[in-house]
Amino acid sequence: MREVSPGVVLKVSVMGGYSIERDGDYIGWIHASIGDRWSAYVRRPGTSGDLLGRYTQDDAVKAIVTAWDAGVVLPNGRRA
């Protein structure tokens, strides 16, 4: 487990990659892509989640936190 910002931690996932938790809530996950890029997914309860894009590891976590907080419209037109 690694805290990347106050209250936000990376936990090794049993499926590979990392789960992202904030203050104990599961909000998304990342897995390795190409080179130093990680695919970032924001959790959407009741769905399989939504791909936000590919980022460096720290930027992937920031993208997930931002999408979760803002409920931003994702590329597929849904809200996080």
PDB file of N, CA and C in Angstrom:
ATOM      1  N   MET A   1       0.858  -1.175   0.000  1.00  0.00           N
ATOM      2  CA  MET A   1       0.000   0.000   0.000  1.00  0.00           C
ATOM      3  C   MET A   1       0.902   1.235   0.000  1.00  0.00           C
ATOM      4  N   ARG A   2       0.492   2.233  -0.799  1.00  0.00           N
ATOM      5  CA  ARG A   2       1.275   3.470  -0.880  1.00  0.00           C
ATOM      6  C   ARG A   2       0.322   4.652  -0.913  1.00  0.00           C
ATOM      7  N   GLU A   3       0.516   5.595   0.015  1.00  0.00           N
ATOM      8  CA  GLU A   3      -0.303   6.810   0.019  1.00  0.00           C
ATOM      9  C   GLU A   3       0.289   7.782  -0.999  1.00  0.00           C
ATOM     10  N   VAL A   4      -0.533   8.203  -1.976  1.00  0.00           N
ATOM     11  CA  VAL A   4      -0.048   9.092  -3.033  1.00  0.00           C
ATOM     12  C   VAL A   4      -0.443  10.539  -2.793  1.00  0.00           C
ATOM     13  N   SER A   5      -1.451  10.747  -1.979  1.00  0.00           N
ATOM     14  CA  SER A   5      -1.845  12.080  -1.515  1.00  0.00           C
ATOM     15  C   SER A   5      -2.659  11.854  -0.252  1.00  0.00           C
ATOM     16  N   PRO A   6      -2.908  12.890   0.531  1.00  0.00           N
ATOM     17  CA  PRO A   6      -3.611  12.680   1.799  1.00  0.00           C
ATOM     18  C   PRO A   6      -4.935  11.927   1.613  1.00  0.00           C
ATOM     19  N   GLY A   7      -5.013  10.751   2.229  1.00  0.00           N
ATOM     20  CA  GLY A   7      -6.225   9.950   2.171  1.00  0.00           C
ATOM     21  C   GLY A   7      -6.374   9.074   0.943  1.00  0.00           C
ATOM     22  N   VAL A   8      -5.487   9.215  -0.041  1.00  0.00           N
ATOM     23  CA  VAL A   8      -5.580   8.435  -1.289  1.00  0.00           C
ATOM     24  C   VAL A   8      -4.443   7.417  -1.318  1.00  0.00           C
ATOM     25  N   VAL A   9      -4.821   6.132  -1.424  1.00  0.00           N
ATOM     26  CA  VAL A   9      -3.818   5.074  -1.410  1.00  0.00           C
ATOM     27  C   VAL A   9      -3.957   4.150  -2.616  1.00  0.00           C
ATOM     28  N   LEU A  10      -2.799   3.612  -3.029  1.00  0.00           N
ATOM     29  CA  LEU A  10      -2.735   2.552  -4.033  1.00  0.00           C
ATOM     30  C   LEU A  10      -2.606   1.243  -3.277  1.00  0.00           C
ATOM     31  N   LYS A  11      -3.416   0.255  -3.634  1.00  0.00           N
ATOM     32  CA  LYS A  11      -3.311  -1.077  -3.049  1.00  0.00           C
ATOM     33  C   LYS A  11      -3.152  -2.069  -4.181  1.00  0.00           C
ATOM     34  N   VAL A  12      -2.216  -2.997  -4.028  1.00  0.00           N
ATOM     35  CA  VAL A  12      -2.028  -4.028  -5.044  1.00  0.00           C
ATOM     36  C   VAL A  12      -3.335  -4.802  -5.196  1.00  0.00           C
ATOM     37  N   SER A  13      -3.782  -4.938  -6.430  1.00  0.00           N
ATOM     38  CA  SER A  13      -5.024  -5.639  -6.732  1.00  0.00           C
ATOM     39  C   SER A  13      -4.747  -7.112  -6.989  1.00  0.00           C
ATOM     40  N   VAL A  14      -5.682  -7.972  -6.603  1.00  0.00           N
ATOM     41  CA  VAL A  14      -5.533  -9.398  -6.883  1.00  0.00           C
ATOM     42  C   VAL A  14      -5.677  -9.684  -8.373  1.00  0.00           C
ATOM     43  N   MET A  15      -6.219  -8.750  -9.139  1.00  0.00           N
ATOM     44  CA  MET A  15      -6.396  -8.905 -10.583  1.00  0.00           C
ATOM     45  C   MET A  15      -5.211  -8.339 -11.363  1.00  0.00           C
ATOM     46  N   GLY A  16      -4.212  -7.803 -10.668  1.00  0.00           N
ATOM     47  CA  GLY A  16      -3.092  -7.125 -11.325  1.00  0.00           C
ATOM     48  C   GLY A  16      -3.365  -5.635 -11.309  1.00  0.00           C
ATOM     49  N   GLY A  17      -2.336  -4.850 -11.286  1.00  0.00           N
ATOM     50  CA  GLY A  17      -2.516  -3.405 -11.191  1.00  0.00           C
ATOM     51  C   GLY A  17      -2.745  -2.978  -9.755  1.00  0.00           C
ATOM     52  N   TYR A  18      -3.434  -1.848  -9.598  1.00  0.00           N
ATOM     53  CA  TYR A  18      -3.672  -1.279  -8.275  1.00  0.00           C
ATOM     54  C   TYR A  18      -5.099  -0.777  -8.153  1.00  0.00           C
ATOM     55  N   SER A  19      -5.671  -0.961  -6.976  1.00  0.00           N
ATOM     56  CA  SER A  19      -6.941  -0.339  -6.624  1.00  0.00           C
ATOM     57  C   SER A  19      -6.636   1.030  -6.046  1.00  0.00           C
ATOM     58  N   ILE A  20      -7.513   1.994  -6.292  1.00  0.00           N
ATOM     59  CA  ILE A  20      -7.373   3.335  -5.741  1.00  0.00           C
ATOM     60  C   ILE A  20      -8.465   3.512  -4.696  1.00  0.00           C
ATOM     61  N   GLU A  21      -8.062   3.847  -3.482  1.00  0.00           N
ATOM     62  CA  GLU A  21      -9.013   4.104  -2.406  1.00  0.00           C
ATOM     63  C   GLU A  21      -8.768   5.487  -1.847  1.00  0.00           C
ATOM     64  N   ARG A  22      -9.868   6.143  -1.495  1.00  0.00           N
ATOM     65  CA  ARG A  22      -9.745   7.426  -0.818  1.00  0.00           C
ATOM     66  C   ARG A  22     -10.581   7.361   0.442  1.00  0.00           C
ATOM     67  N   ASP A  23      -9.927   7.618   1.558  1.00  0.00           N
ATOM     68  CA  ASP A  23     -10.577   7.563   2.868  1.00  0.00           C
ATOM     69  C   ASP A  23     -11.363   6.269   3.043  1.00  0.00           C
ATOM     70  N   GLY A  24     -10.785   5.151   2.549  1.00  0.00           N
ATOM     71  CA  GLY A  24     -11.396   3.843   2.700  1.00  0.00           C
ATOM     72  C   GLY A  24     -12.408   3.465   1.636  1.00  0.00           C
ATOM     73  N   ASP A  25     -12.759   4.377   0.735  1.00  0.00           N
ATOM     74  CA  ASP A  25     -13.713   4.087  -0.342  1.00  0.00           C
ATOM     75  C   ASP A  25     -12.974   3.710  -1.617  1.00  0.00           C
ATOM     76  N   TYR A  26     -13.421   2.655  -2.260  1.00  0.00           N
ATOM     77  CA  TYR A  26     -12.842   2.199  -3.526  1.00  0.00           C
ATOM     78  C   TYR A  26     -13.402   3.079  -4.641  1.00  0.00           C
ATOM     79  N   ILE A  27     -12.523   3.860  -5.317  1.00  0.00           N
ATOM     80  CA  ILE A  27     -13.006   4.813  -6.324  1.00  0.00           C
ATOM     81  C   ILE A  27     -12.510   4.524  -7.734  1.00  0.00           C
ATOM     82  N   GLY A  28     -11.596   3.577  -7.899  1.00  0.00           N
ATOM     83  CA  GLY A  28     -11.116   3.265  -9.240  1.00  0.00           C
ATOM     84  C   GLY A  28      -9.929   2.334  -9.209  1.00  0.00           C
ATOM     85  N   TRP A  29      -9.337   2.138 -10.394  1.00  0.00           N
ATOM     86  CA  TRP A  29      -8.181   1.256 -10.489  1.00  0.00           C
ATOM     87  C   TRP A  29      -7.330   1.636 -11.683  1.00  0.00           C
ATOM     88  N   ILE A  30      -6.080   1.166 -11.639  1.00  0.00           N
ATOM     89  CA  ILE A  30      -5.149   1.383 -12.745  1.00  0.00           C
ATOM     90  C   ILE A  30      -4.455   0.064 -13.061  1.00  0.00           C
ATOM     91  N   HIS A  31      -4.042  -0.079 -14.310  1.00  0.00           N
ATOM     92  CA  HIS A  31      -3.190  -1.209 -14.675  1.00  0.00           C
ATOM     93  C   HIS A  31      -2.202  -0.744 -15.724  1.00  0.00           C
ATOM     94  N   ALA A  32      -1.076  -1.445 -15.798  1.00  0.00           N
ATOM     95  CA  ALA A  32       0.000  -1.057 -16.707  1.00  0.00           C
ATOM     96  C   ALA A  32      -0.470  -1.094 -18.150  1.00  0.00           C
ATOM     97  N   SER A  33      -0.002  -0.116 -18.916  1.00  0.00           N
ATOM     98  CA  SER A  33      -0.305  -0.034 -20.340  1.00  0.00           C
ATOM     99  C   SER A  33       1.013  -0.196 -21.089  1.00  0.00           C
ATOM    100  N   ILE A  34       1.424   0.805 -21.827  1.00  0.00           N
ATOM    101  CA  ILE A  34       2.659   0.748 -22.611  1.00  0.00           C
ATOM    102  C   ILE A  34       3.675   1.709 -22.011  1.00  0.00           C
ATOM    103  N   GLY A  35       4.915   1.251 -21.851  1.00  0.00           N
ATOM    104  CA  GLY A  35       5.960   2.110 -21.302  1.00  0.00           C
ATOM    105  C   GLY A  35       5.631   2.512 -19.874  1.00  0.00           C
ATOM    106  N   ASP A  36       5.679   3.822 -19.605  1.00  0.00           N
ATOM    107  CA  ASP A  36       5.395   4.312 -18.252  1.00  0.00           C
ATOM    108  C   ASP A  36       3.936   4.729 -18.104  1.00  0.00           C
ATOM    109  N   ARG A  37       3.071   4.294 -18.984  1.00  0.00           N
ATOM    110  CA  ARG A  37       1.654   4.687 -18.970  1.00  0.00           C
ATOM    111  C   ARG A  37       0.800   3.650 -18.251  1.00  0.00           C
ATOM    112  N   TRP A  38      -0.216   4.150 -17.573  1.00  0.00           N
ATOM    113  CA  TRP A  38      -1.168   3.328 -16.844  1.00  0.00           C
ATOM    114  C   TRP A  38      -2.564   3.663 -17.341  1.00  0.00           C
ATOM    115  N   SER A  39      -3.384   2.638 -17.569  1.00  0.00           N
ATOM    116  CA  SER A  39      -4.785   2.848 -17.921  1.00  0.00           C
ATOM    117  C   SER A  39      -5.539   3.127 -16.629  1.00  0.00           C
ATOM    118  N   ALA A  40      -6.303   4.228 -16.617  1.00  0.00           N
ATOM    119  CA  ALA A  40      -7.024   4.659 -15.417  1.00  0.00           C
ATOM    120  C   ALA A  40      -8.523   4.466 -15.617  1.00  0.00           C
ATOM    121  N   TYR A  41      -9.164   3.853 -14.633  1.00  0.00           N
ATOM    122  CA  TYR A  41     -10.601   3.610 -14.671  1.00  0.00           C
ATOM    123  C   TYR A  41     -11.242   4.190 -13.418  1.00  0.00           C
ATOM    124  N   VAL A  42     -12.328   4.922 -13.594  1.00  0.00           N
ATOM    125  CA  VAL A  42     -13.081   5.418 -12.446  1.00  0.00           C
ATOM    126  C   VAL A  42     -14.210   4.425 -12.181  1.00  0.00           C
ATOM    127  N   ARG A  43     -14.448   4.144 -10.926  1.00  0.00           N
ATOM    128  CA  ARG A  43     -15.510   3.223 -10.531  1.00  0.00           C
ATOM    129  C   ARG A  43     -16.859   3.889 -10.752  1.00  0.00           C
ATOM    130  N   ARG A  44     -17.774   3.129 -11.313  1.00  0.00           N
ATOM    131  CA  ARG A  44     -19.163   3.557 -11.446  1.00  0.00           C
ATOM    132  C   ARG A  44     -20.008   2.438 -10.865  1.00  0.00           C
ATOM    133  N   PRO A  45     -20.568   2.638  -9.672  1.00  0.00           N
ATOM    134  CA  PRO A  45     -21.351   1.562  -9.052  1.00  0.00           C
ATOM    135  C   PRO A  45     -22.406   1.009 -10.018  1.00  0.00           C
ATOM    136  N   GLY A  46     -22.482  -0.319 -10.076  1.00  0.00           N
ATOM    137  CA  GLY A  46     -23.444  -0.971 -10.951  1.00  0.00           C
ATOM    138  C   GLY A  46     -22.953  -1.198 -12.370  1.00  0.00           C
ATOM    139  N   THR A  47     -21.719  -0.763 -12.676  1.00  0.00           N
ATOM    140  CA  THR A  47     -21.152  -0.967 -14.013  1.00  0.00           C
ATOM    141  C   THR A  47     -19.751  -1.543 -13.862  1.00  0.00           C
ATOM    142  N   SER A  48     -19.107  -1.770 -14.988  1.00  0.00           N
ATOM    143  CA  SER A  48     -17.725  -2.256 -14.946  1.00  0.00           C
ATOM    144  C   SER A  48     -16.719  -1.117 -14.881  1.00  0.00           C
ATOM    145  N   GLY A  49     -17.176   0.130 -14.749  1.00  0.00           N
ATOM    146  CA  GLY A  49     -16.288   1.284 -14.661  1.00  0.00           C
ATOM    147  C   GLY A  49     -16.028   1.890 -16.023  1.00  0.00           C
ATOM    148  N   ASP A  50     -15.355   3.040 -16.039  1.00  0.00           N
ATOM    149  CA  ASP A  50     -15.095   3.754 -17.285  1.00  0.00           C
ATOM    150  C   ASP A  50     -13.625   4.107 -17.417  1.00  0.00           C
ATOM    151  N   LEU A  51     -13.083   3.853 -18.601  1.00  0.00           N
ATOM    152  CA  LEU A  51     -11.702   4.214 -18.904  1.00  0.00           C
ATOM    153  C   LEU A  51     -11.594   5.726 -19.046  1.00  0.00           C
ATOM    154  N   LEU A  52     -10.663   6.324 -18.302  1.00  0.00           N
ATOM    155  CA  LEU A  52     -10.421   7.767 -18.391  1.00  0.00           C
ATOM    156  C   LEU A  52      -9.324   8.089 -19.389  1.00  0.00           C
ATOM    157  N   GLY A  53      -8.384   7.173 -19.570  1.00  0.00           N
ATOM    158  CA  GLY A  53      -7.266   7.402 -20.477  1.00  0.00           C
ATOM    159  C   GLY A  53      -6.017   6.739 -19.952  1.00  0.00           C
ATOM    160  N   ARG A  54      -4.894   7.089 -20.567  1.00  0.00           N
ATOM    161  CA  ARG A  54      -3.603   6.525 -20.175  1.00  0.00           C
ATOM    162  C   ARG A  54      -2.687   7.649 -19.718  1.00  0.00           C
ATOM    163  N   TYR A  55      -2.086   7.465 -18.559  1.00  0.00           N
ATOM    164  CA  TYR A  55      -1.315   8.511 -17.896  1.00  0.00           C
ATOM    165  C   TYR A  55      -0.097   7.903 -17.213  1.00  0.00           C
ATOM    166  N   THR A  56       0.789   8.774 -16.714  1.00  0.00           N
ATOM    167  CA  THR A  56       1.794   8.298 -15.769  1.00  0.00           C
ATOM    168  C   THR A  56       1.039   7.834 -14.527  1.00  0.00           C
ATOM    169  N   GLN A  57       1.683   7.064 -13.674  1.00  0.00           N
ATOM    170  CA  GLN A  57       0.979   6.505 -12.523  1.00  0.00           C
ATOM    171  C   GLN A  57       0.348   7.582 -11.640  1.00  0.00           C
ATOM    172  N   ASP A  58       1.113   8.599 -11.251  1.00  0.00           N
ATOM    173  CA  ASP A  58       0.561   9.637 -10.377  1.00  0.00           C
ATOM    174  C   ASP A  58      -0.561  10.412 -11.059  1.00  0.00           C
ATOM    175  N   ASP A  59      -0.406  10.708 -12.356  1.00  0.00           N
ATOM    176  CA  ASP A  59      -1.458  11.430 -13.073  1.00  0.00           C
ATOM    177  C   ASP A  59      -2.707  10.574 -13.251  1.00  0.00           C
ATOM    178  N   ALA A  60      -2.541   9.261 -13.364  1.00  0.00           N
ATOM    179  CA  ALA A  60      -3.694   8.362 -13.457  1.00  0.00           C
ATOM    180  C   ALA A  60      -4.517   8.427 -12.174  1.00  0.00           C
ATOM    181  N   VAL A  61      -3.835   8.424 -11.037  1.00  0.00           N
ATOM    182  CA  VAL A  61      -4.530   8.518  -9.755  1.00  0.00           C
ATOM    183  C   VAL A  61      -5.247   9.863  -9.648  1.00  0.00           C
ATOM    184  N   LYS A  62      -4.580  10.942 -10.029  1.00  0.00           N
ATOM    185  CA  LYS A  62      -5.207  12.271  -9.986  1.00  0.00           C
ATOM    186  C   LYS A  62      -6.440  12.323 -10.880  1.00  0.00           C
ATOM    187  N   ALA A  63      -6.369  11.714 -12.065  1.00  0.00           N
ATOM    188  CA  ALA A  63      -7.511  11.707 -12.983  1.00  0.00           C
ATOM    189  C   ALA A  63      -8.703  10.976 -12.370  1.00  0.00           C
ATOM    190  N   ILE A  64      -8.443   9.872 -11.686  1.00  0.00           N
ATOM    191  CA  ILE A  64      -9.515   9.116 -11.040  1.00  0.00           C
ATOM    192  C   ILE A  64     -10.149   9.930  -9.923  1.00  0.00           C
ATOM    193  N   VAL A  65      -9.336  10.535  -9.070  1.00  0.00           N
ATOM    194  CA  VAL A  65      -9.859  11.348  -7.965  1.00  0.00           C
ATOM    195  C   VAL A  65     -10.686  12.509  -8.510  1.00  0.00           C
ATOM    196  N   THR A  66     -10.186  13.180  -9.530  1.00  0.00           N
ATOM    197  CA  THR A  66     -10.896  14.317 -10.120  1.00  0.00           C
ATOM    198  C   THR A  66     -12.231  13.878 -10.709  1.00  0.00           C
ATOM    199  N   ALA A  67     -12.232  12.778 -11.467  1.00  0.00           N
ATOM    200  CA  ALA A  67     -13.470  12.287 -12.078  1.00  0.00           C
ATOM    201  C   ALA A  67     -14.481  11.870 -11.019  1.00  0.00           C
ATOM    202  N   TRP A  68     -14.012  11.216  -9.964  1.00  0.00           N
ATOM    203  CA  TRP A  68     -14.908  10.770  -8.898  1.00  0.00           C
ATOM    204  C   TRP A  68     -15.529  11.974  -8.196  1.00  0.00           C
ATOM    205  N   ASP A  69     -14.706  12.970  -7.885  1.00  0.00           N
ATOM    206  CA  ASP A  69     -15.195  14.158  -7.178  1.00  0.00           C
ATOM    207  C   ASP A  69     -16.152  14.994  -8.017  1.00  0.00           C
ATOM    208  N   ALA A  70     -15.789  15.202  -9.268  1.00  0.00           N
ATOM    209  CA  ALA A  70     -16.547  16.129 -10.110  1.00  0.00           C
ATOM    210  C   ALA A  70     -17.727  15.473 -10.804  1.00  0.00           C
ATOM    211  N   GLY A  71     -17.721  14.160 -10.884  1.00  0.00           N
ATOM    212  CA  GLY A  71     -18.769  13.511 -11.657  1.00  0.00           C
ATOM    213  C   GLY A  71     -18.724  13.969 -13.103  1.00  0.00           C
ATOM    214  N   VAL A  72     -17.513  14.121 -13.634  1.00  0.00           N
ATOM    215  CA  VAL A  72     -17.315  14.673 -14.973  1.00  0.00           C
ATOM    216  C   VAL A  72     -17.942  13.793 -16.035  1.00  0.00           C
ATOM    217  N   VAL A  73     -18.279  14.413 -17.154  1.00  0.00           N
ATOM    218  CA  VAL A  73     -18.762  13.657 -18.293  1.00  0.00           C
ATOM    219  C   VAL A  73     -17.571  12.974 -18.941  1.00  0.00           C
ATOM    220  N   LEU A  74     -17.666  11.681 -19.105  1.00  0.00           N
ATOM    221  CA  LEU A  74     -16.596  10.874 -19.666  1.00  0.00           C
ATOM    222  C   LEU A  74     -16.748  10.789 -21.179  1.00  0.00           C
ATOM    223  N   PRO A  75     -15.732  10.299 -21.879  1.00  0.00           N
ATOM    224  CA  PRO A  75     -15.808  10.222 -23.341  1.00  0.00           C
ATOM    225  C   PRO A  75     -17.047   9.499 -23.870  1.00  0.00           C
ATOM    226  N   ASN A  76     -17.601   8.575 -23.101  1.00  0.00           N
ATOM    227  CA  ASN A  76     -18.781   7.846 -23.560  1.00  0.00           C
ATOM    228  C   ASN A  76     -20.082   8.584 -23.230  1.00  0.00           C
ATOM    229  N   GLY A  77     -19.989   9.801 -22.695  1.00  0.00           N
ATOM    230  CA  GLY A  77     -21.169  10.600 -22.381  1.00  0.00           C
ATOM    231  C   GLY A  77     -21.747  10.376 -20.995  1.00  0.00           C
ATOM    232  N   ARG A  78     -21.236   9.393 -20.264  1.00  0.00           N
ATOM    233  CA  ARG A  78     -21.727   9.136 -18.909  1.00  0.00           C
ATOM    234  C   ARG A  78     -21.043  10.059 -17.916  1.00  0.00           C
ATOM    235  N   ARG A  79     -21.619  10.117 -16.742  1.00  0.00           N
ATOM    236  CA  ARG A  79     -20.987  10.848 -15.641  1.00  0.00           C
ATOM    237  C   ARG A  79     -20.358   9.839 -14.700  1.00  0.00           C
ATOM    238  N   ALA A  80     -19.199  10.224 -14.160  1.00  0.00           N
ATOM    239  CA  ALA A  80     -18.516   9.347 -13.196  1.00  0.00           C
ATOM    240  C   ALA A  80     -19.282   9.348 -11.891  1.00  0.00           C
TER     241      ALA A  80
END
